[in-house]
């Protein structure tokens, strides 16, 4: 298994060792088309699709002809609930539907590998030793960002049981925290810096390698 070296930092920004990244996960040629396809599917899946408008047969009223057919000098009308009337039905309006885009597992895994490789290629990937906080503390979380020299939007991928880390970072608007079990292409890409804990890295490589 081909590997590449990556420094591991602690929460104070100091080197705490090195990690061997699997090149099959972090050094492939990013497939932009697949990443785009999977992100589109992910965003589409988040849409409820419950929007609805009423057609002229569903709106209330308009049961009789508003005025006689001939002799008034006006255009003939059959109902005051026709689309061109105020309060009338909507033409080609939205109706409940599913926005689901089908994506198979191989495409998702390729997209995840592509996203991780893209981050590594532009040096926007950081590996930290852990995300252990003794207690929830936003102040401590801000200090971690300063120590790691992180600016702008950042995504932290941590272990599922790093509860104090979640509570510490949740009030910082530029930080997104996701457990490793919920890793997805959109969250990996939608940031300036991607940070993985060592345990999250191991889990990701176990799934994708």
C-alpha atoms as a PDB file:
ATOM      1  CA  UNK A   1       0.000   0.000   0.000  1.00  0.00           C
ATOM      2  CA  UNK A   2       1.578   3.268  -1.135  1.00  0.00           C
ATOM      3  CA  UNK A   3       1.640   5.998   1.498  1.00  0.00           C
ATOM      4  CA  UNK A   4       2.619   9.637   1.907  1.00  0.00           C
ATOM      5  CA  UNK A   5       3.776  11.419   5.053  1.00  0.00           C
ATOM      6  CA  UNK A   6       1.752  14.109   6.832  1.00  0.00           C
ATOM      7  CA  UNK A   7       2.604  15.902  10.073  1.00  0.00           C
ATOM      8  CA  UNK A   8       0.263  15.503  13.025  1.00  0.00           C
ATOM      9  CA  UNK A   9      -0.255  18.539  15.273  1.00  0.00           C
ATOM     10  CA  UNK A  10      -1.591  18.817  18.772  1.00  0.00           C
ATOM     11  CA  UNK A  11      -4.181  21.348  19.933  1.00  0.00           C
ATOM     12  CA  UNK A  12      -1.387  23.849  20.666  1.00  0.00           C
ATOM     13  CA  UNK A  13      -0.172  23.771  17.074  1.00  0.00           C
ATOM     14  CA  UNK A  14       3.010  21.841  17.810  1.00  0.00           C
ATOM     15  CA  UNK A  15       4.139  18.753  15.914  1.00  0.00           C
ATOM     16  CA  UNK A  16       2.974  15.581  17.661  1.00  0.00           C
ATOM     17  CA  UNK A  17       4.199  12.992  15.204  1.00  0.00           C
ATOM     18  CA  UNK A  18       3.448  12.018  11.623  1.00  0.00           C
ATOM     19  CA  UNK A  19       0.831   9.990   9.816  1.00  0.00           C
ATOM     20  CA  UNK A  20       1.103   7.819   6.739  1.00  0.00           C
ATOM     21  CA  UNK A  21      -1.760   8.651   4.407  1.00  0.00           C
ATOM     22  CA  UNK A  22      -2.994   6.004   2.020  1.00  0.00           C
ATOM     23  CA  UNK A  23      -2.383   7.281  -1.513  1.00  0.00           C
ATOM     24  CA  UNK A  24      -5.464   5.396  -2.711  1.00  0.00           C
ATOM     25  CA  UNK A  25      -7.518   7.773  -0.555  1.00  0.00           C
ATOM     26  CA  UNK A  26      -5.479  10.996  -0.425  1.00  0.00           C
ATOM     27  CA  UNK A  27      -3.474  11.086  -3.641  1.00  0.00           C
ATOM     28  CA  UNK A  28      -5.758  10.128  -6.523  1.00  0.00           C
ATOM     29  CA  UNK A  29      -6.669  12.382  -9.436  1.00  0.00           C
ATOM     30  CA  UNK A  30      -9.873  14.121  -8.202  1.00  0.00           C
ATOM     31  CA  UNK A  31     -12.898  13.227 -10.296  1.00  0.00           C
ATOM     32  CA  UNK A  32     -14.678  16.594 -10.531  1.00  0.00           C
ATOM     33  CA  UNK A  33     -17.693  15.186 -12.375  1.00  0.00           C
ATOM     34  CA  UNK A  34     -18.380  12.568  -9.699  1.00  0.00           C
ATOM     35  CA  UNK A  35     -17.936  15.103  -6.885  1.00  0.00           C
ATOM     36  CA  UNK A  36     -20.399  17.439  -8.585  1.00  0.00           C
ATOM     37  CA  UNK A  37     -22.885  14.632  -9.142  1.00  0.00           C
ATOM     38  CA  UNK A  38     -22.753  13.437  -5.525  1.00  0.00           C
ATOM     39  CA  UNK A  39     -23.009  16.971  -4.086  1.00  0.00           C
ATOM     40  CA  UNK A  40     -26.025  17.670  -6.313  1.00  0.00           C
ATOM     41  CA  UNK A  41     -27.640  14.468  -5.087  1.00  0.00           C
ATOM     42  CA  UNK A  42     -26.886  15.343  -1.470  1.00  0.00           C
ATOM     43  CA  UNK A  43     -28.373  18.838  -1.732  1.00  0.00           C
ATOM     44  CA  UNK A  44     -31.374  17.514  -3.645  1.00  0.00           C
ATOM     45  CA  UNK A  45     -32.008  14.917  -0.935  1.00  0.00           C
ATOM     46  CA  UNK A  46     -32.227  17.745   1.621  1.00  0.00           C
ATOM     47  CA  UNK A  47     -35.165  19.332  -0.223  1.00  0.00           C
ATOM     48  CA  UNK A  48     -38.575  18.483   1.190  1.00  0.00           C
ATOM     49  CA  UNK A  49     -40.436  18.771  -2.096  1.00  0.00           C
ATOM     50  CA  UNK A  50     -43.686  19.649  -0.286  1.00  0.00           C
ATOM     51  CA  UNK A  51     -44.321  22.887  -2.222  1.00  0.00           C
ATOM     52  CA  UNK A  52     -47.785  23.006  -3.766  1.00  0.00           C
ATOM     53  CA  UNK A  53     -49.999  25.398  -5.688  1.00  0.00           C
ATOM     54  CA  UNK A  54     -53.673  25.058  -6.649  1.00  0.00           C
ATOM     55  CA  UNK A  55     -54.922  24.656 -10.177  1.00  0.00           C
ATOM     56  CA  UNK A  56     -58.170  26.303 -11.336  1.00  0.00           C
ATOM     57  CA  UNK A  57     -60.097  23.161 -10.398  1.00  0.00           C
ATOM     58  CA  UNK A  58     -58.876  23.384  -6.796  1.00  0.00           C
ATOM     59  CA  UNK A  59     -59.378  27.056  -5.912  1.00  0.00           C
ATOM     60  CA  UNK A  60     -62.589  28.128  -4.200  1.00  0.00           C
ATOM     61  CA  UNK A  61     -65.346  29.843  -6.200  1.00  0.00           C
ATOM     62  CA  UNK A  62     -65.893  30.418  -9.914  1.00  0.00           C
ATOM     63  CA  UNK A  63     -68.796  28.026 -10.172  1.00  0.00           C
ATOM     64  CA  UNK A  64     -70.813  30.126 -12.577  1.00  0.00           C
ATOM     65  CA  UNK A  65     -70.153  32.223 -15.645  1.00  0.00           C
ATOM     66  CA  UNK A  66     -69.350  35.805 -14.457  1.00  0.00           C
ATOM     67  CA  UNK A  67     -71.471  37.481 -17.176  1.00  0.00           C
ATOM     68  CA  UNK A  68     -73.281  36.568 -20.356  1.00  0.00           C
ATOM     69  CA  UNK A  69     -71.421  35.411 -23.415  1.00  0.00           C
ATOM     70  CA  UNK A  70     -72.484  38.130 -25.860  1.00  0.00           C
ATOM     71  CA  UNK A  71     -73.552  41.734 -25.911  1.00  0.00           C
ATOM     72  CA  UNK A  72     -71.328  43.212 -23.205  1.00  0.00           C
ATOM     73  CA  UNK A  73     -68.433  44.267 -25.411  1.00  0.00           C
ATOM     74  CA  UNK A  74     -66.050  42.421 -23.157  1.00  0.00           C
ATOM     75  CA  UNK A  75     -64.057  39.303 -23.802  1.00  0.00           C
ATOM     76  CA  UNK A  76     -65.959  36.101 -23.054  1.00  0.00           C
ATOM     77  CA  UNK A  77     -65.192  34.511 -19.696  1.00  0.00           C
ATOM     78  CA  UNK A  78     -66.232  31.192 -18.209  1.00  0.00           C
ATOM     79  CA  UNK A  79     -64.959  31.551 -14.630  1.00  0.00           C
ATOM     80  CA  UNK A  80     -63.487  34.179 -12.324  1.00  0.00           C
ATOM     81  CA  UNK A  81     -61.032  31.535 -11.149  1.00  0.00           C
ATOM     82  CA  UNK A  82     -59.236  31.272 -14.505  1.00  0.00           C
ATOM     83  CA  UNK A  83     -55.447  31.791 -14.223  1.00  0.00           C
ATOM     84  CA  UNK A  84     -55.502  35.415 -15.423  1.00  0.00           C
ATOM     85  CA  UNK A  85     -57.866  36.466 -12.617  1.00  0.00           C
ATOM     86  CA  UNK A  86     -56.679  37.503  -9.159  1.00  0.00           C
ATOM     87  CA  UNK A  87     -57.277  34.512  -6.882  1.00  0.00           C
ATOM     88  CA  UNK A  88     -57.430  32.166  -9.858  1.00  0.00           C
ATOM     89  CA  UNK A  89     -55.577  28.898 -10.330  1.00  0.00           C
ATOM     90  CA  UNK A  90     -51.849  28.742 -11.016  1.00  0.00           C
ATOM     91  CA  UNK A  91     -50.607  27.549 -14.395  1.00  0.00           C
ATOM     92  CA  UNK A  92     -47.667  25.105 -14.271  1.00  0.00           C
ATOM     93  CA  UNK A  93     -47.160  25.801 -10.567  1.00  0.00           C
ATOM     94  CA  UNK A  94     -45.117  23.612  -8.209  1.00  0.00           C
ATOM     95  CA  UNK A  95     -46.598  20.388  -6.853  1.00  0.00           C
ATOM     96  CA  UNK A  96     -45.246  17.843  -4.339  1.00  0.00           C
ATOM     97  CA  UNK A  97     -42.419  15.822  -5.842  1.00  0.00           C
ATOM     98  CA  UNK A  98     -39.216  14.009  -4.951  1.00  0.00           C
ATOM     99  CA  UNK A  99     -35.888  15.578  -5.936  1.00  0.00           C
ATOM    100  CA  UNK A 100     -33.917  12.399  -5.268  1.00  0.00           C
ATOM    101  CA  UNK A 101     -30.980  11.760  -7.597  1.00  0.00           C
ATOM    102  CA  UNK A 102     -29.784   8.175  -7.653  1.00  0.00           C
ATOM    103  CA  UNK A 103     -26.160   7.652  -6.660  1.00  0.00           C
ATOM    104  CA  UNK A 104     -24.543   4.268  -6.104  1.00  0.00           C
ATOM    105  CA  UNK A 105     -22.068   3.405  -3.353  1.00  0.00           C
ATOM    106  CA  UNK A 106     -19.032   3.239  -5.652  1.00  0.00           C
ATOM    107  CA  UNK A 107     -19.708   6.785  -6.839  1.00  0.00           C
ATOM    108  CA  UNK A 108     -19.995   8.043  -3.243  1.00  0.00           C
ATOM    109  CA  UNK A 109     -16.704   6.413  -2.245  1.00  0.00           C
ATOM    110  CA  UNK A 110     -14.932   7.761  -5.340  1.00  0.00           C
ATOM    111  CA  UNK A 111     -16.309  11.241  -4.601  1.00  0.00           C
ATOM    112  CA  UNK A 112     -15.091  11.043  -0.983  1.00  0.00           C
ATOM    113  CA  UNK A 113     -11.629   9.949  -2.097  1.00  0.00           C
ATOM    114  CA  UNK A 114     -11.591  12.716  -4.705  1.00  0.00           C
ATOM    115  CA  UNK A 115     -12.577  15.356  -2.140  1.00  0.00           C
ATOM    116  CA  UNK A 116      -9.904  14.234   0.324  1.00  0.00           C
ATOM    117  CA  UNK A 117      -7.281  14.096  -2.425  1.00  0.00           C
ATOM    118  CA  UNK A 118      -8.234  17.577  -3.620  1.00  0.00           C
ATOM    119  CA  UNK A 119      -7.815  18.972  -0.096  1.00  0.00           C
ATOM    120  CA  UNK A 120      -4.452  17.265   0.303  1.00  0.00           C
ATOM    121  CA  UNK A 121      -3.282  18.486  -3.115  1.00  0.00           C
ATOM    122  CA  UNK A 122      -3.790  22.154  -2.206  1.00  0.00           C
ATOM    123  CA  UNK A 123      -2.448  21.702   1.342  1.00  0.00           C
ATOM    124  CA  UNK A 124      -5.822  22.454   2.939  1.00  0.00           C
ATOM    125  CA  UNK A 125      -5.787  19.291   5.049  1.00  0.00           C
ATOM    126  CA  UNK A 126      -4.649  19.207   8.687  1.00  0.00           C
ATOM    127  CA  UNK A 127      -4.274  16.173  10.939  1.00  0.00           C
ATOM    128  CA  UNK A 128      -4.515  16.688  14.694  1.00  0.00           C
ATOM    129  CA  UNK A 129      -3.640  14.243  17.435  1.00  0.00           C
ATOM    130  CA  UNK A 130      -7.049  14.456  19.118  1.00  0.00           C
ATOM    131  CA  UNK A 131      -9.954  16.739  19.957  1.00  0.00           C
ATOM    132  CA  UNK A 132      -9.995  16.094  23.680  1.00  0.00           C
ATOM    133  CA  UNK A 133     -11.429  18.943  25.719  1.00  0.00           C
ATOM    134  CA  UNK A 134     -11.640  18.515  29.492  1.00  0.00           C
ATOM    135  CA  UNK A 135     -14.881  20.487  29.472  1.00  0.00           C
ATOM    136  CA  UNK A 136     -16.890  22.486  26.908  1.00  0.00           C
ATOM    137  CA  UNK A 137     -15.187  25.834  26.339  1.00  0.00           C
ATOM    138  CA  UNK A 138     -15.645  28.195  23.410  1.00  0.00           C
ATOM    139  CA  UNK A 139     -12.647  30.203  24.623  1.00  0.00           C
ATOM    140  CA  UNK A 140     -10.460  27.088  24.440  1.00  0.00           C
ATOM    141  CA  UNK A 141     -11.810  26.327  20.957  1.00  0.00           C
ATOM    142  CA  UNK A 142     -10.854  29.813  19.749  1.00  0.00           C
ATOM    143  CA  UNK A 143      -7.350  29.284  21.140  1.00  0.00           C
ATOM    144  CA  UNK A 144      -7.089  26.024  19.201  1.00  0.00           C
ATOM    145  CA  UNK A 145      -7.966  27.806  15.942  1.00  0.00           C
ATOM    146  CA  UNK A 146      -5.291  30.431  16.652  1.00  0.00           C
ATOM    147  CA  UNK A 147      -2.687  27.798  17.540  1.00  0.00           C
ATOM    148  CA  UNK A 148      -3.380  25.857  14.341  1.00  0.00           C
ATOM    149  CA  UNK A 149      -3.343  29.143  12.343  1.00  0.00           C
ATOM    150  CA  UNK A 150      -6.755  28.428  10.875  1.00  0.00           C
ATOM    151  CA  UNK A 151      -8.643  31.292   9.256  1.00  0.00           C
ATOM    152  CA  UNK A 152     -11.957  31.296   7.452  1.00  0.00           C
ATOM    153  CA  UNK A 153     -14.389  28.414   7.245  1.00  0.00           C
ATOM    154  CA  UNK A 154     -13.183  25.108   8.636  1.00  0.00           C
ATOM    155  CA  UNK A 155     -14.629  21.619   8.956  1.00  0.00           C
ATOM    156  CA  UNK A 156     -13.541  19.357  11.807  1.00  0.00           C
ATOM    157  CA  UNK A 157     -14.063  15.615  11.413  1.00  0.00           C
ATOM    158  CA  UNK A 158     -13.846  14.033  14.859  1.00  0.00           C
ATOM    159  CA  UNK A 159     -14.727  10.809  16.624  1.00  0.00           C
ATOM    160  CA  UNK A 160     -18.377  10.182  17.390  1.00  0.00           C
ATOM    161  CA  UNK A 161     -17.717  10.435  21.133  1.00  0.00           C
ATOM    162  CA  UNK A 162     -15.863  13.798  21.126  1.00  0.00           C
ATOM    163  CA  UNK A 163     -18.844  15.507  22.764  1.00  0.00           C
ATOM    164  CA  UNK A 164     -16.892  18.278  24.495  1.00  0.00           C
ATOM    165  CA  UNK A 165     -15.306  19.262  21.180  1.00  0.00           C
ATOM    166  CA  UNK A 166     -18.754  19.590  19.603  1.00  0.00           C
ATOM    167  CA  UNK A 167     -19.960  21.750  22.490  1.00  0.00           C
ATOM    168  CA  UNK A 168     -16.811  23.892  22.417  1.00  0.00           C
ATOM    169  CA  UNK A 169     -16.897  24.746  18.719  1.00  0.00           C
ATOM    170  CA  UNK A 170     -20.647  24.971  18.123  1.00  0.00           C
ATOM    171  CA  UNK A 171     -20.869  28.714  18.913  1.00  0.00           C
ATOM    172  CA  UNK A 172     -18.180  29.638  16.387  1.00  0.00           C
ATOM    173  CA  UNK A 173     -19.970  30.460  13.099  1.00  0.00           C
ATOM    174  CA  UNK A 174     -17.020  29.625  10.822  1.00  0.00           C
ATOM    175  CA  UNK A 175     -16.611  26.095  12.238  1.00  0.00           C
ATOM    176  CA  UNK A 176     -18.553  22.997  11.231  1.00  0.00           C
ATOM    177  CA  UNK A 177     -18.188  19.874  13.348  1.00  0.00           C
ATOM    178  CA  UNK A 178     -19.144  16.489  11.928  1.00  0.00           C
ATOM    179  CA  UNK A 179     -18.674  13.019  13.437  1.00  0.00           C
ATOM    180  CA  UNK A 180     -16.692  10.609  11.302  1.00  0.00           C
ATOM    181  CA  UNK A 181     -19.798   8.438  10.892  1.00  0.00           C
ATOM    182  CA  UNK A 182     -21.465  11.298   8.991  1.00  0.00           C
ATOM    183  CA  UNK A 183     -18.624  12.221   6.633  1.00  0.00           C
ATOM    184  CA  UNK A 184     -19.983  13.464   3.320  1.00  0.00           C
ATOM    185  CA  UNK A 185     -18.629  15.085   0.169  1.00  0.00           C
ATOM    186  CA  UNK A 186     -20.347  18.451   0.620  1.00  0.00           C
ATOM    187  CA  UNK A 187     -18.951  19.048   4.122  1.00  0.00           C
ATOM    188  CA  UNK A 188     -15.472  17.942   3.054  1.00  0.00           C
ATOM    189  CA  UNK A 189     -15.418  20.499   0.234  1.00  0.00           C
ATOM    190  CA  UNK A 190     -17.415  23.414   1.670  1.00  0.00           C
ATOM    191  CA  UNK A 191     -14.577  24.985   3.668  1.00  0.00           C
ATOM    192  CA  UNK A 192     -11.171  26.599   3.429  1.00  0.00           C
ATOM    193  CA  UNK A 193      -9.508  24.074   5.738  1.00  0.00           C
ATOM    194  CA  UNK A 194     -10.337  20.459   6.556  1.00  0.00           C
ATOM    195  CA  UNK A 195      -9.170  19.088   9.911  1.00  0.00           C
ATOM    196  CA  UNK A 196      -9.171  15.373  10.770  1.00  0.00           C
ATOM    197  CA  UNK A 197      -8.377  13.822  14.117  1.00  0.00           C
ATOM    198  CA  UNK A 198      -6.023  10.828  14.042  1.00  0.00           C
ATOM    199  CA  UNK A 199      -8.841   8.456  15.021  1.00  0.00           C
ATOM    200  CA  UNK A 200     -11.137   9.901  12.348  1.00  0.00           C
ATOM    201  CA  UNK A 201      -8.355   9.483   9.788  1.00  0.00           C
ATOM    202  CA  UNK A 202      -7.995   5.798  10.667  1.00  0.00           C
ATOM    203  CA  UNK A 203     -11.729   5.237  10.344  1.00  0.00           C
ATOM    204  CA  UNK A 204     -11.903   7.031   6.989  1.00  0.00           C
ATOM    205  CA  UNK A 205      -9.025   5.003   5.561  1.00  0.00           C
ATOM    206  CA  UNK A 206     -10.600   1.806   6.868  1.00  0.00           C
ATOM    207  CA  UNK A 207     -13.777   2.563   4.937  1.00  0.00           C
ATOM    208  CA  UNK A 208     -12.314   4.013   1.735  1.00  0.00           C
ATOM    209  CA  UNK A 209      -8.993   2.263   1.226  1.00  0.00           C
END
